[in-house]
């Protein structure tokens, strides 16, 4: 019984890790962080007073919206991505993530971004 629990916990943690890695690839984490970084730089240049709550909301909202854009872009181009060597190993063309999961994630990221930008 203990061995079964250990095997199940390894499977759960492995699948969570796989999902997390796929999510980072789907949201194009490096591109999204560069967008957030430039937004923060613009905030510092334009703000008279630095409000750390606003900075936090800008960061989370910015990452969410950039990630949602990347997700929807990859959904639209999944067929073409499967044909190119550079992009064929992305989560959608390689079937590591379903289209419906990507749509749900894109909607969640869009709603989160909208929420953080309007708070």
N, C-alpha and C. Protein backbone atom coordinates (compact mmCIF):
# COMPACT_ATOMS: atom_id res chain seq x y z
N UNK A 1 0.82 -1.19 0.00
CA UNK A 1 0.00 0.00 0.00
C UNK A 1 0.88 1.26 0.00
N UNK A 2 1.94 1.25 0.75
CA UNK A 2 2.83 2.41 0.80
C UNK A 2 3.49 2.62 -0.55
N UNK A 3 3.91 1.54 -1.20
CA UNK A 3 4.53 1.66 -2.52
C UNK A 3 3.56 2.26 -3.53
N UNK A 4 2.28 1.88 -3.45
CA UNK A 4 1.28 2.44 -4.35
C UNK A 4 1.14 3.94 -4.14
N UNK A 5 1.13 4.37 -2.88
CA UNK A 5 1.02 5.80 -2.59
C UNK A 5 2.24 6.56 -3.09
N UNK A 6 3.41 5.99 -2.95
CA UNK A 6 4.63 6.63 -3.44
C UNK A 6 4.58 6.74 -4.95
N UNK A 7 4.19 5.67 -5.64
CA UNK A 7 4.09 5.72 -7.10
C UNK A 7 3.08 6.77 -7.54
N UNK A 8 1.94 6.86 -6.86
CA UNK A 8 0.92 7.84 -7.21
C UNK A 8 1.44 9.26 -7.00
N UNK A 9 2.14 9.51 -5.90
CA UNK A 9 2.64 10.85 -5.63
C UNK A 9 3.70 11.25 -6.64
N UNK A 10 4.55 10.30 -7.08
CA UNK A 10 5.54 10.60 -8.11
C UNK A 10 4.85 10.93 -9.42
N UNK A 11 3.80 10.20 -9.75
CA UNK A 11 3.07 10.46 -10.99
C UNK A 11 2.41 11.83 -10.93
N UNK A 12 1.80 12.16 -9.81
CA UNK A 12 1.14 13.46 -9.67
C UNK A 12 2.15 14.58 -9.77
N UNK A 13 3.27 14.48 -9.06
CA UNK A 13 4.25 15.55 -9.11
C UNK A 13 4.89 15.64 -10.49
N UNK A 14 5.10 14.50 -11.14
CA UNK A 14 5.68 14.52 -12.48
C UNK A 14 4.72 15.17 -13.46
N UNK A 15 3.43 14.83 -13.38
CA UNK A 15 2.47 15.41 -14.31
C UNK A 15 2.29 16.90 -14.02
N UNK A 16 2.37 17.31 -12.76
CA UNK A 16 2.29 18.74 -12.46
C UNK A 16 3.51 19.45 -13.03
N UNK A 17 4.68 18.86 -12.88
CA UNK A 17 5.89 19.45 -13.42
C UNK A 17 5.81 19.55 -14.94
N UNK A 18 5.34 18.50 -15.59
CA UNK A 18 5.18 18.52 -17.04
C UNK A 18 4.20 19.61 -17.46
N UNK A 19 3.08 19.71 -16.74
CA UNK A 19 2.08 20.73 -17.05
C UNK A 19 2.67 22.12 -16.87
N UNK A 20 3.42 22.33 -15.81
CA UNK A 20 4.03 23.63 -15.53
C UNK A 20 5.04 24.00 -16.63
N UNK A 21 5.85 23.05 -17.04
CA UNK A 21 6.83 23.30 -18.11
C UNK A 21 6.10 23.64 -19.41
N UNK A 22 5.07 22.87 -19.73
CA UNK A 22 4.29 23.15 -20.93
C UNK A 22 3.62 24.52 -20.86
N UNK A 23 3.13 24.89 -19.68
CA UNK A 23 2.51 26.20 -19.51
C UNK A 23 3.52 27.31 -19.72
N UNK A 24 4.72 27.14 -19.22
CA UNK A 24 5.76 28.15 -19.41
C UNK A 24 6.13 28.28 -20.90
N UNK A 25 6.16 27.15 -21.60
CA UNK A 25 6.44 27.20 -23.03
C UNK A 25 5.28 27.82 -23.79
N UNK A 26 4.07 27.53 -23.37
CA UNK A 26 2.88 28.06 -24.03
C UNK A 26 2.75 29.57 -23.84
N UNK A 27 3.11 30.06 -22.66
CA UNK A 27 3.04 31.50 -22.40
C UNK A 27 4.29 32.24 -22.83
N UNK A 28 5.26 31.51 -23.38
CA UNK A 28 6.52 32.09 -23.84
C UNK A 28 7.10 32.99 -22.74
N UNK A 29 7.53 32.35 -21.69
CA UNK A 29 7.93 33.03 -20.46
C UNK A 29 9.00 34.10 -20.69
N UNK A 30 9.98 33.84 -21.54
CA UNK A 30 11.04 34.84 -21.76
C UNK A 30 10.48 36.08 -22.45
N UNK A 31 9.65 35.88 -23.46
CA UNK A 31 9.03 37.01 -24.14
C UNK A 31 8.11 37.78 -23.20
N UNK A 32 7.31 37.04 -22.43
CA UNK A 32 6.39 37.68 -21.49
C UNK A 32 7.14 38.48 -20.43
N UNK A 33 8.23 37.94 -19.92
CA UNK A 33 9.01 38.68 -18.92
C UNK A 33 9.67 39.92 -19.53
N UNK A 34 10.08 39.85 -20.79
CA UNK A 34 10.66 41.04 -21.42
C UNK A 34 9.60 42.12 -21.60
N UNK A 35 8.36 41.74 -21.86
CA UNK A 35 7.27 42.71 -21.96
C UNK A 35 7.01 43.33 -20.59
N UNK A 36 6.98 42.50 -19.56
CA UNK A 36 6.76 43.01 -18.20
C UNK A 36 7.90 43.94 -17.79
N UNK A 37 9.13 43.55 -18.11
CA UNK A 37 10.29 44.37 -17.77
C UNK A 37 10.20 45.75 -18.42
N UNK A 38 9.83 45.79 -19.71
CA UNK A 38 9.72 47.08 -20.38
C UNK A 38 8.57 47.91 -19.82
N UNK A 39 7.50 47.25 -19.39
CA UNK A 39 6.39 47.97 -18.76
C UNK A 39 6.81 48.58 -17.42
N UNK A 40 7.57 47.81 -16.66
CA UNK A 40 8.07 48.32 -15.37
C UNK A 40 9.03 49.49 -15.60
N UNK A 41 9.88 49.37 -16.60
CA UNK A 41 10.81 50.46 -16.91
C UNK A 41 10.03 51.72 -17.29
N UNK A 42 9.00 51.57 -18.09
CA UNK A 42 8.16 52.71 -18.45
C UNK A 42 7.46 53.31 -17.24
N UNK A 43 7.03 52.45 -16.33
CA UNK A 43 6.39 52.94 -15.10
C UNK A 43 7.37 53.77 -14.29
N UNK A 44 8.60 53.27 -14.12
CA UNK A 44 9.61 54.01 -13.37
C UNK A 44 9.94 55.35 -14.03
N UNK A 45 9.97 55.36 -15.34
CA UNK A 45 10.28 56.61 -16.05
C UNK A 45 9.15 57.62 -15.96
N UNK A 46 7.92 57.15 -15.92
CA UNK A 46 6.79 58.08 -15.95
C UNK A 46 6.15 58.40 -14.62
N UNK A 47 6.39 57.61 -13.60
CA UNK A 47 5.72 57.81 -12.31
C UNK A 47 6.44 58.86 -11.48
N UNK A 48 5.66 59.73 -10.88
CA UNK A 48 6.23 60.70 -9.94
C UNK A 48 6.49 60.05 -8.59
N UNK A 49 5.58 59.18 -8.18
CA UNK A 49 5.71 58.42 -6.93
C UNK A 49 5.59 56.95 -7.26
N UNK A 50 6.44 56.14 -6.65
CA UNK A 50 6.41 54.70 -6.89
C UNK A 50 5.42 54.06 -5.91
N UNK A 51 4.42 53.40 -6.46
CA UNK A 51 3.44 52.66 -5.67
C UNK A 51 3.69 51.17 -5.93
N UNK A 52 4.12 50.45 -4.91
CA UNK A 52 4.51 49.06 -5.10
C UNK A 52 3.31 48.16 -5.40
N UNK A 53 2.13 48.51 -4.92
CA UNK A 53 0.95 47.73 -5.27
C UNK A 53 0.65 47.89 -6.77
N UNK A 54 0.74 49.09 -7.27
CA UNK A 54 0.54 49.32 -8.70
C UNK A 54 1.60 48.58 -9.51
N UNK A 55 2.81 48.58 -9.04
CA UNK A 55 3.90 47.88 -9.72
C UNK A 55 3.64 46.37 -9.75
N UNK A 56 3.16 45.83 -8.64
CA UNK A 56 2.82 44.41 -8.56
C UNK A 56 1.68 44.08 -9.52
N UNK A 57 0.63 44.89 -9.50
CA UNK A 57 -0.51 44.65 -10.38
C UNK A 57 -0.12 44.76 -11.85
N UNK A 58 0.74 45.72 -12.16
CA UNK A 58 1.26 45.86 -13.53
C UNK A 58 2.03 44.62 -13.95
N UNK A 59 2.83 44.08 -13.06
CA UNK A 59 3.64 42.90 -13.38
C UNK A 59 2.77 41.67 -13.61
N UNK A 60 1.86 41.40 -12.69
CA UNK A 60 1.01 40.22 -12.81
C UNK A 60 0.05 40.37 -13.99
N UNK A 61 -0.56 41.54 -14.12
CA UNK A 61 -1.47 41.77 -15.24
C UNK A 61 -0.75 41.72 -16.57
N UNK A 62 0.44 42.29 -16.63
CA UNK A 62 1.22 42.28 -17.86
C UNK A 62 1.62 40.87 -18.27
N UNK A 63 2.08 40.08 -17.31
CA UNK A 63 2.44 38.70 -17.63
C UNK A 63 1.22 37.91 -18.08
N UNK A 64 0.11 38.12 -17.40
CA UNK A 64 -1.11 37.39 -17.75
C UNK A 64 -1.57 37.72 -19.17
N UNK A 65 -1.58 38.99 -19.52
CA UNK A 65 -2.03 39.38 -20.86
C UNK A 65 -1.05 38.95 -21.94
N UNK A 66 0.24 39.08 -21.68
CA UNK A 66 1.24 38.62 -22.65
C UNK A 66 1.16 37.10 -22.82
N UNK A 67 0.97 36.40 -21.72
CA UNK A 67 0.82 34.95 -21.78
C UNK A 67 -0.42 34.53 -22.53
N UNK A 68 -1.54 35.22 -22.30
CA UNK A 68 -2.78 34.92 -23.01
C UNK A 68 -2.60 35.14 -24.51
N UNK A 69 -1.91 36.22 -24.87
CA UNK A 69 -1.66 36.49 -26.29
C UNK A 69 -0.84 35.37 -26.92
N UNK A 70 0.16 34.91 -26.21
CA UNK A 70 0.99 33.81 -26.72
C UNK A 70 0.19 32.52 -26.87
N UNK A 71 -0.66 32.25 -25.89
CA UNK A 71 -1.49 31.04 -25.94
C UNK A 71 -2.41 31.08 -27.16
N UNK A 72 -3.11 32.21 -27.33
CA UNK A 72 -4.04 32.30 -28.47
C UNK A 72 -3.29 32.28 -29.80
N UNK A 73 -2.12 32.89 -29.85
CA UNK A 73 -1.32 32.85 -31.07
C UNK A 73 -0.91 31.42 -31.41
N UNK A 74 -0.51 30.66 -30.40
CA UNK A 74 -0.10 29.28 -30.66
C UNK A 74 -1.29 28.40 -31.03
N UNK A 75 -2.47 28.73 -30.50
CA UNK A 75 -3.66 27.99 -30.92
C UNK A 75 -3.96 28.24 -32.40
N UNK A 76 -3.85 29.48 -32.81
CA UNK A 76 -4.13 29.84 -34.21
C UNK A 76 -3.12 29.20 -35.14
N UNK A 77 -1.86 29.15 -34.74
CA UNK A 77 -0.79 28.69 -35.63
C UNK A 77 -0.33 27.26 -35.35
N UNK A 78 -1.10 26.48 -34.62
CA UNK A 78 -0.66 25.13 -34.25
C UNK A 78 -0.40 24.24 -35.47
N UNK A 79 -1.17 24.39 -36.52
CA UNK A 79 -0.95 23.58 -37.72
C UNK A 79 0.37 23.91 -38.39
N UNK A 80 0.63 25.20 -38.54
CA UNK A 80 1.90 25.64 -39.15
C UNK A 80 3.08 25.31 -38.25
N UNK A 81 2.88 25.46 -36.93
CA UNK A 81 3.96 25.15 -36.00
C UNK A 81 4.38 23.69 -36.08
N UNK A 82 3.43 22.81 -36.37
CA UNK A 82 3.74 21.39 -36.47
C UNK A 82 4.59 21.04 -37.69
N UNK A 83 4.63 21.94 -38.66
CA UNK A 83 5.38 21.69 -39.89
C UNK A 83 6.82 22.19 -39.82
N UNK A 84 7.10 23.12 -38.93
CA UNK A 84 8.43 23.73 -38.88
C UNK A 84 9.29 23.05 -37.80
N UNK A 85 10.54 22.81 -38.12
CA UNK A 85 11.45 22.17 -37.16
C UNK A 85 11.59 22.98 -35.88
N UNK A 86 11.65 24.30 -36.01
CA UNK A 86 11.87 25.16 -34.86
C UNK A 86 10.70 25.12 -33.88
N UNK A 87 9.48 24.90 -34.38
CA UNK A 87 8.30 25.02 -33.54
C UNK A 87 7.51 23.73 -33.35
N UNK A 88 7.93 22.65 -33.97
CA UNK A 88 7.14 21.42 -33.91
C UNK A 88 7.11 20.77 -32.53
N UNK A 89 8.03 21.15 -31.64
CA UNK A 89 8.06 20.56 -30.29
C UNK A 89 7.33 21.40 -29.25
N UNK A 90 6.61 22.42 -29.68
CA UNK A 90 5.81 23.20 -28.74
C UNK A 90 4.67 22.32 -28.21
N UNK A 91 4.08 22.70 -27.08
CA UNK A 91 3.07 21.85 -26.45
C UNK A 91 1.87 21.48 -27.34
N UNK A 92 1.38 22.39 -28.15
CA UNK A 92 0.20 22.07 -28.95
C UNK A 92 0.51 21.20 -30.17
N UNK A 93 1.49 21.55 -31.00
CA UNK A 93 1.77 20.67 -32.15
C UNK A 93 2.27 19.29 -31.76
N UNK A 94 2.94 19.19 -30.61
CA UNK A 94 3.45 17.89 -30.17
C UNK A 94 2.42 17.11 -29.35
N UNK A 95 1.22 17.68 -29.20
CA UNK A 95 0.10 17.05 -28.46
C UNK A 95 0.41 16.77 -27.00
N UNK A 96 1.30 17.57 -26.42
CA UNK A 96 1.54 17.45 -24.98
C UNK A 96 0.46 18.19 -24.20
N UNK A 97 -0.31 19.03 -24.89
CA UNK A 97 -1.43 19.73 -24.27
C UNK A 97 -2.55 19.79 -25.29
N UNK A 98 -3.77 19.59 -24.83
CA UNK A 98 -4.91 19.61 -25.75
C UNK A 98 -5.30 21.04 -26.10
N UNK A 99 -5.97 21.19 -27.22
CA UNK A 99 -6.44 22.51 -27.63
C UNK A 99 -7.44 23.08 -26.63
N UNK A 100 -8.31 22.22 -26.10
CA UNK A 100 -9.30 22.71 -25.14
C UNK A 100 -8.64 23.20 -23.85
N UNK A 101 -7.59 22.53 -23.41
CA UNK A 101 -6.86 23.00 -22.24
C UNK A 101 -6.22 24.35 -22.52
N UNK A 102 -5.65 24.51 -23.70
CA UNK A 102 -5.02 25.78 -24.07
C UNK A 102 -6.06 26.89 -24.15
N UNK A 103 -7.24 26.61 -24.69
CA UNK A 103 -8.30 27.62 -24.75
C UNK A 103 -8.70 28.06 -23.35
N UNK A 104 -8.88 27.09 -22.47
CA UNK A 104 -9.26 27.41 -21.08
C UNK A 104 -8.16 28.25 -20.42
N UNK A 105 -6.91 27.86 -20.61
CA UNK A 105 -5.81 28.63 -20.03
C UNK A 105 -5.75 30.04 -20.61
N UNK A 106 -5.96 30.17 -21.91
CA UNK A 106 -5.97 31.49 -22.54
C UNK A 106 -7.06 32.39 -21.97
N UNK A 107 -8.23 31.82 -21.75
CA UNK A 107 -9.33 32.59 -21.16
C UNK A 107 -9.00 32.97 -19.72
N UNK A 108 -8.47 32.04 -18.96
CA UNK A 108 -8.10 32.33 -17.55
C UNK A 108 -7.05 33.43 -17.50
N UNK A 109 -6.01 33.33 -18.32
CA UNK A 109 -4.97 34.35 -18.33
C UNK A 109 -5.53 35.70 -18.76
N UNK A 110 -6.44 35.71 -19.74
CA UNK A 110 -7.05 36.96 -20.18
C UNK A 110 -7.88 37.60 -19.06
N UNK A 111 -8.65 36.79 -18.38
CA UNK A 111 -9.47 37.30 -17.27
C UNK A 111 -8.61 37.79 -16.11
N UNK A 112 -7.56 37.04 -15.79
CA UNK A 112 -6.64 37.47 -14.73
C UNK A 112 -5.98 38.79 -15.09
N UNK A 113 -5.50 38.91 -16.32
CA UNK A 113 -4.87 40.15 -16.76
C UNK A 113 -5.82 41.32 -16.70
N UNK A 114 -7.04 41.11 -17.17
CA UNK A 114 -8.04 42.17 -17.12
C UNK A 114 -8.34 42.56 -15.68
N UNK A 115 -8.46 41.57 -14.81
CA UNK A 115 -8.74 41.85 -13.40
C UNK A 115 -7.60 42.68 -12.78
N UNK A 116 -6.36 42.24 -12.98
CA UNK A 116 -5.23 42.95 -12.36
C UNK A 116 -5.03 44.34 -12.94
N UNK A 117 -5.38 44.55 -14.19
CA UNK A 117 -5.27 45.87 -14.76
C UNK A 117 -6.39 46.82 -14.32
N UNK A 118 -7.51 46.28 -13.88
CA UNK A 118 -8.64 47.13 -13.50
C UNK A 118 -8.77 47.33 -12.00
N UNK A 119 -8.00 46.63 -11.21
CA UNK A 119 -8.09 46.76 -9.74
C UNK A 119 -7.58 48.12 -9.31
